[in-house]
Amino acid sequence: MTGREPVLIRCSWLVLTYHRHRRCGSCRDGRCPRVELARRRIRAWRRYGS
């Protein structure tokens, strides 16, 4: 990939890093909607971005 990552993608990586070690208030039963959204954004960026 070339260029800089958009702010949303950088924030998504921060969400994933945070959830590797901790849980947030939205986490339930091993599934967190914030993590799922972050993963979707990163996948979409890899697919369509750069």
PDB file of N, CA and C in Angstrom:
ATOM      1  N   MET A   1       0.840  -1.181   0.000  1.00  0.00           N
ATOM      2  CA  MET A   1       0.000   0.000   0.000  1.00  0.00           C
ATOM      3  C   MET A   1       0.881   1.238   0.000  1.00  0.00           C
ATOM      4  N   THR A   2       0.417   2.221  -0.658  1.00  0.00           N
ATOM      5  CA  THR A   2       1.169   3.463  -0.703  1.00  0.00           C
ATOM      6  C   THR A   2       0.387   4.550   0.000  1.00  0.00           C
ATOM      7  N   GLY A   3       1.088   5.558   0.390  1.00  0.00           N
ATOM      8  CA  GLY A   3       0.426   6.681   1.029  1.00  0.00           C
ATOM      9  C   GLY A   3       0.120   6.425   2.495  1.00  0.00           C
ATOM     10  N   ARG A   4      -0.526   7.391   3.082  1.00  0.00           N
ATOM     11  CA  ARG A   4      -0.873   7.297   4.495  1.00  0.00           C
ATOM     12  C   ARG A   4      -2.247   6.685   4.670  1.00  0.00           C
ATOM     13  N   GLU A   5      -2.428   6.055   5.814  1.00  0.00           N
ATOM     14  CA  GLU A   5      -3.741   5.491   6.130  1.00  0.00           C
ATOM     15  C   GLU A   5      -4.668   6.607   6.591  1.00  0.00           C
ATOM     16  N   PRO A   6      -5.940   6.539   6.235  1.00  0.00           N
ATOM     17  CA  PRO A   6      -6.909   7.522   6.739  1.00  0.00           C
ATOM     18  C   PRO A   6      -7.064   7.396   8.261  1.00  0.00           C
ATOM     19  N   VAL A   7      -7.576   8.427   8.845  1.00  0.00           N
ATOM     20  CA  VAL A   7      -7.747   8.465  10.302  1.00  0.00           C
ATOM     21  C   VAL A   7      -8.622   7.309  10.785  1.00  0.00           C
ATOM     22  N   LEU A   8      -9.685   6.999  10.061  1.00  0.00           N
ATOM     23  CA  LEU A   8     -10.570   5.905  10.480  1.00  0.00           C
ATOM     24  C   LEU A   8      -9.833   4.570  10.539  1.00  0.00           C
ATOM     25  N   ILE A   9      -8.905   4.359   9.625  1.00  0.00           N
ATOM     26  CA  ILE A   9      -8.153   3.107   9.618  1.00  0.00           C
ATOM     27  C   ILE A   9      -7.179   3.077  10.784  1.00  0.00           C
ATOM     28  N   ARG A  10      -6.525   4.197  11.043  1.00  0.00           N
ATOM     29  CA  ARG A  10      -5.623   4.252  12.203  1.00  0.00           C
ATOM     30  C   ARG A  10      -6.395   4.019  13.495  1.00  0.00           C
ATOM     31  N   CYS A  11      -7.572   4.612  13.606  1.00  0.00           N
ATOM     32  CA  CYS A  11      -8.406   4.406  14.798  1.00  0.00           C
ATOM     33  C   CYS A  11      -8.846   2.948  14.909  1.00  0.00           C
ATOM     34  N   SER A  12      -9.122   2.326  13.784  1.00  0.00           N
ATOM     35  CA  SER A  12      -9.511   0.912  13.794  1.00  0.00           C
ATOM     36  C   SER A  12      -8.383   0.047  14.326  1.00  0.00           C
ATOM     37  N   TRP A  13      -7.148   0.347  13.907  1.00  0.00           N
ATOM     38  CA  TRP A  13      -6.010  -0.408  14.433  1.00  0.00           C
ATOM     39  C   TRP A  13      -5.865  -0.194  15.936  1.00  0.00           C
ATOM     40  N   LEU A  14      -6.124   1.015  16.415  1.00  0.00           N
ATOM     41  CA  LEU A  14      -6.057   1.280  17.857  1.00  0.00           C
ATOM     42  C   LEU A  14      -7.117   0.482  18.615  1.00  0.00           C
ATOM     43  N   VAL A  15      -8.303   0.370  18.038  1.00  0.00           N
ATOM     44  CA  VAL A  15      -9.371  -0.426  18.656  1.00  0.00           C
ATOM     45  C   VAL A  15      -8.934  -1.881  18.786  1.00  0.00           C
ATOM     46  N   LEU A  16      -8.352  -2.434  17.717  1.00  0.00           N
ATOM     47  CA  LEU A  16      -7.902  -3.830  17.765  1.00  0.00           C
ATOM     48  C   LEU A  16      -6.787  -4.019  18.784  1.00  0.00           C
ATOM     49  N   THR A  17      -5.861  -3.074  18.846  1.00  0.00           N
ATOM     50  CA  THR A  17      -4.768  -3.157  19.818  1.00  0.00           C
ATOM     51  C   THR A  17      -5.312  -3.111  21.239  1.00  0.00           C
ATOM     52  N   TYR A  18      -6.247  -2.212  21.494  1.00  0.00           N
ATOM     53  CA  TYR A  18      -6.851  -2.103  22.824  1.00  0.00           C
ATOM     54  C   TYR A  18      -7.528  -3.412  23.216  1.00  0.00           C
ATOM     55  N   HIS A  19      -8.268  -4.002  22.298  1.00  0.00           N
ATOM     56  CA  HIS A  19      -9.043  -5.198  22.609  1.00  0.00           C
ATOM     57  C   HIS A  19      -8.197  -6.459  22.711  1.00  0.00           C
ATOM     58  N   ARG A  20      -6.939  -6.398  22.327  1.00  0.00           N
ATOM     59  CA  ARG A  20      -6.060  -7.555  22.535  1.00  0.00           C
ATOM     60  C   ARG A  20      -5.806  -7.793  24.013  1.00  0.00           C
ATOM     61  N   HIS A  21      -5.836  -6.703  24.798  1.00  0.00           N
ATOM     62  CA  HIS A  21      -5.466  -6.803  26.209  1.00  0.00           C
ATOM     63  C   HIS A  21      -6.604  -6.489  27.174  1.00  0.00           C
ATOM     64  N   ARG A  22      -7.636  -5.818  26.709  1.00  0.00           N
ATOM     65  CA  ARG A  22      -8.711  -5.367  27.600  1.00  0.00           C
ATOM     66  C   ARG A  22     -10.071  -5.585  26.952  1.00  0.00           C
ATOM     67  N   ARG A  23     -11.101  -5.314  27.734  1.00  0.00           N
ATOM     68  CA  ARG A  23     -12.474  -5.340  27.226  1.00  0.00           C
ATOM     69  C   ARG A  23     -13.100  -3.979  27.467  1.00  0.00           C
ATOM     70  N   CYS A  24     -14.030  -3.626  26.610  1.00  0.00           N
ATOM     71  CA  CYS A  24     -14.725  -2.343  26.769  1.00  0.00           C
ATOM     72  C   CYS A  24     -16.149  -2.598  27.257  1.00  0.00           C
ATOM     73  N   GLY A  25     -16.908  -1.538  27.428  1.00  0.00           N
ATOM     74  CA  GLY A  25     -18.282  -1.664  27.886  1.00  0.00           C
ATOM     75  C   GLY A  25     -19.210  -2.315  26.872  1.00  0.00           C
ATOM     76  N   SER A  26     -18.824  -2.317  25.614  1.00  0.00           N
ATOM     77  CA  SER A  26     -19.659  -2.918  24.561  1.00  0.00           C
ATOM     78  C   SER A  26     -19.392  -4.404  24.366  1.00  0.00           C
ATOM     79  N   CYS A  27     -18.327  -4.918  24.969  1.00  0.00           N
ATOM     80  CA  CYS A  27     -17.973  -6.335  24.788  1.00  0.00           C
ATOM     81  C   CYS A  27     -19.008  -7.223  25.472  1.00  0.00           C
ATOM     82  N   ARG A  28     -19.416  -8.275  24.750  1.00  0.00           N
ATOM     83  CA  ARG A  28     -20.331  -9.235  25.353  1.00  0.00           C
ATOM     84  C   ARG A  28     -20.092 -10.609  24.721  1.00  0.00           C
ATOM     85  N   ASP A  29     -20.008 -11.587  25.530  1.00  0.00           N
ATOM     86  CA  ASP A  29     -19.872 -12.974  25.077  1.00  0.00           C
ATOM     87  C   ASP A  29     -18.779 -13.169  24.030  1.00  0.00           C
ATOM     88  N   GLY A  30     -17.664 -12.491  24.206  1.00  0.00           N
ATOM     89  CA  GLY A  30     -16.553 -12.669  23.286  1.00  0.00           C
ATOM     90  C   GLY A  30     -16.684 -11.954  21.957  1.00  0.00           C
ATOM     91  N   ARG A  31     -17.781 -11.235  21.745  1.00  0.00           N
ATOM     92  CA  ARG A  31     -17.973 -10.497  20.492  1.00  0.00           C
ATOM     93  C   ARG A  31     -18.201  -9.034  20.822  1.00  0.00           C
ATOM     94  N   CYS A  32     -17.428  -8.202  20.192  1.00  0.00           N
ATOM     95  CA  CYS A  32     -17.582  -6.764  20.405  1.00  0.00           C
ATOM     96  C   CYS A  32     -17.910  -6.105  19.067  1.00  0.00           C
ATOM     97  N   PRO A  33     -18.987  -5.331  19.011  1.00  0.00           N
ATOM     98  CA  PRO A  33     -19.349  -4.677  17.753  1.00  0.00           C
ATOM     99  C   PRO A  33     -18.279  -3.694  17.271  1.00  0.00           C
ATOM    100  N   ARG A  34     -17.541  -3.108  18.199  1.00  0.00           N
ATOM    101  CA  ARG A  34     -16.477  -2.178  17.802  1.00  0.00           C
ATOM    102  C   ARG A  34     -15.343  -2.902  17.088  1.00  0.00           C
ATOM    103  N   VAL A  35     -15.007  -4.088  17.573  1.00  0.00           N
ATOM    104  CA  VAL A  35     -13.951  -4.880  16.939  1.00  0.00           C
ATOM    105  C   VAL A  35     -14.400  -5.337  15.554  1.00  0.00           C
ATOM    106  N   GLU A  36     -15.628  -5.795  15.454  1.00  0.00           N
ATOM    107  CA  GLU A  36     -16.140  -6.247  14.157  1.00  0.00           C
ATOM    108  C   GLU A  36     -16.147  -5.102  13.140  1.00  0.00           C
ATOM    109  N   LEU A  37     -16.553  -3.918  13.572  1.00  0.00           N
ATOM    110  CA  LEU A  37     -16.559  -2.757  12.684  1.00  0.00           C
ATOM    111  C   LEU A  37     -15.137  -2.378  12.275  1.00  0.00           C
ATOM    112  N   ALA A  38     -14.212  -2.409  13.228  1.00  0.00           N
ATOM    113  CA  ALA A  38     -12.817  -2.081  12.920  1.00  0.00           C
ATOM    114  C   ALA A  38     -12.248  -3.052  11.892  1.00  0.00           C
ATOM    115  N   ARG A  39     -12.523  -4.329  12.051  1.00  0.00           N
ATOM    116  CA  ARG A  39     -12.033  -5.329  11.094  1.00  0.00           C
ATOM    117  C   ARG A  39     -12.623  -5.104   9.705  1.00  0.00           C
ATOM    118  N   ARG A  40     -13.919  -4.783   9.656  1.00  0.00           N
ATOM    119  CA  ARG A  40     -14.563  -4.520   8.360  1.00  0.00           C
ATOM    120  C   ARG A  40     -13.941  -3.313   7.665  1.00  0.00           C
ATOM    121  N   ARG A  41     -13.672  -2.262   8.437  1.00  0.00           N
ATOM    122  CA  ARG A  41     -13.070  -1.060   7.852  1.00  0.00           C
ATOM    123  C   ARG A  41     -11.679  -1.348   7.294  1.00  0.00           C
ATOM    124  N   ILE A  42     -10.884  -2.106   8.050  1.00  0.00           N
ATOM    125  CA  ILE A  42      -9.529  -2.426   7.599  1.00  0.00           C
ATOM    126  C   ILE A  42      -9.577  -3.293   6.349  1.00  0.00           C
ATOM    127  N   ARG A  43     -10.459  -4.284   6.336  1.00  0.00           N
ATOM    128  CA  ARG A  43     -10.599  -5.132   5.135  1.00  0.00           C
ATOM    129  C   ARG A  43     -11.012  -4.312   3.919  1.00  0.00           C
ATOM    130  N   ALA A  44     -11.974  -3.416   4.112  1.00  0.00           N
ATOM    131  CA  ALA A  44     -12.435  -2.581   2.996  1.00  0.00           C
ATOM    132  C   ALA A  44     -11.310  -1.669   2.504  1.00  0.00           C
ATOM    133  N   TRP A  45     -10.533  -1.131   3.420  1.00  0.00           N
ATOM    134  CA  TRP A  45      -9.422  -0.269   3.026  1.00  0.00           C
ATOM    135  C   TRP A  45      -8.386  -1.057   2.226  1.00  0.00           C
ATOM    136  N   ARG A  46      -8.093  -2.259   2.664  1.00  0.00           N
ATOM    137  CA  ARG A  46      -7.133  -3.089   1.932  1.00  0.00           C
ATOM    138  C   ARG A  46      -7.665  -3.450   0.552  1.00  0.00           C
ATOM    139  N   ARG A  47      -8.966  -3.661   0.460  1.00  0.00           N
ATOM    140  CA  ARG A  47      -9.574  -4.051  -0.809  1.00  0.00           C
ATOM    141  C   ARG A  47      -9.666  -2.873  -1.781  1.00  0.00           C
ATOM    142  N   TYR A  48     -10.151  -1.728  -1.294  1.00  0.00           N
ATOM    143  CA  TYR A  48     -10.438  -0.603  -2.183  1.00  0.00           C
ATOM    144  C   TYR A  48      -9.487   0.576  -2.031  1.00  0.00           C
ATOM    145  N   GLY A  49      -8.811   0.650  -0.898  1.00  0.00           N
ATOM    146  CA  GLY A  49      -7.983   1.817  -0.604  1.00  0.00           C
ATOM    147  C   GLY A  49      -6.645   1.824  -1.309  1.00  0.00           C
ATOM    148  N   SER A  50      -5.814   2.665  -0.810  1.00  0.00           N
ATOM    149  CA  SER A  50      -4.439   2.865  -1.284  1.00  0.00           C
ATOM    150  C   SER A  50      -4.409   3.385  -2.672  1.00  0.00           C
TER     151      SER A  50
END
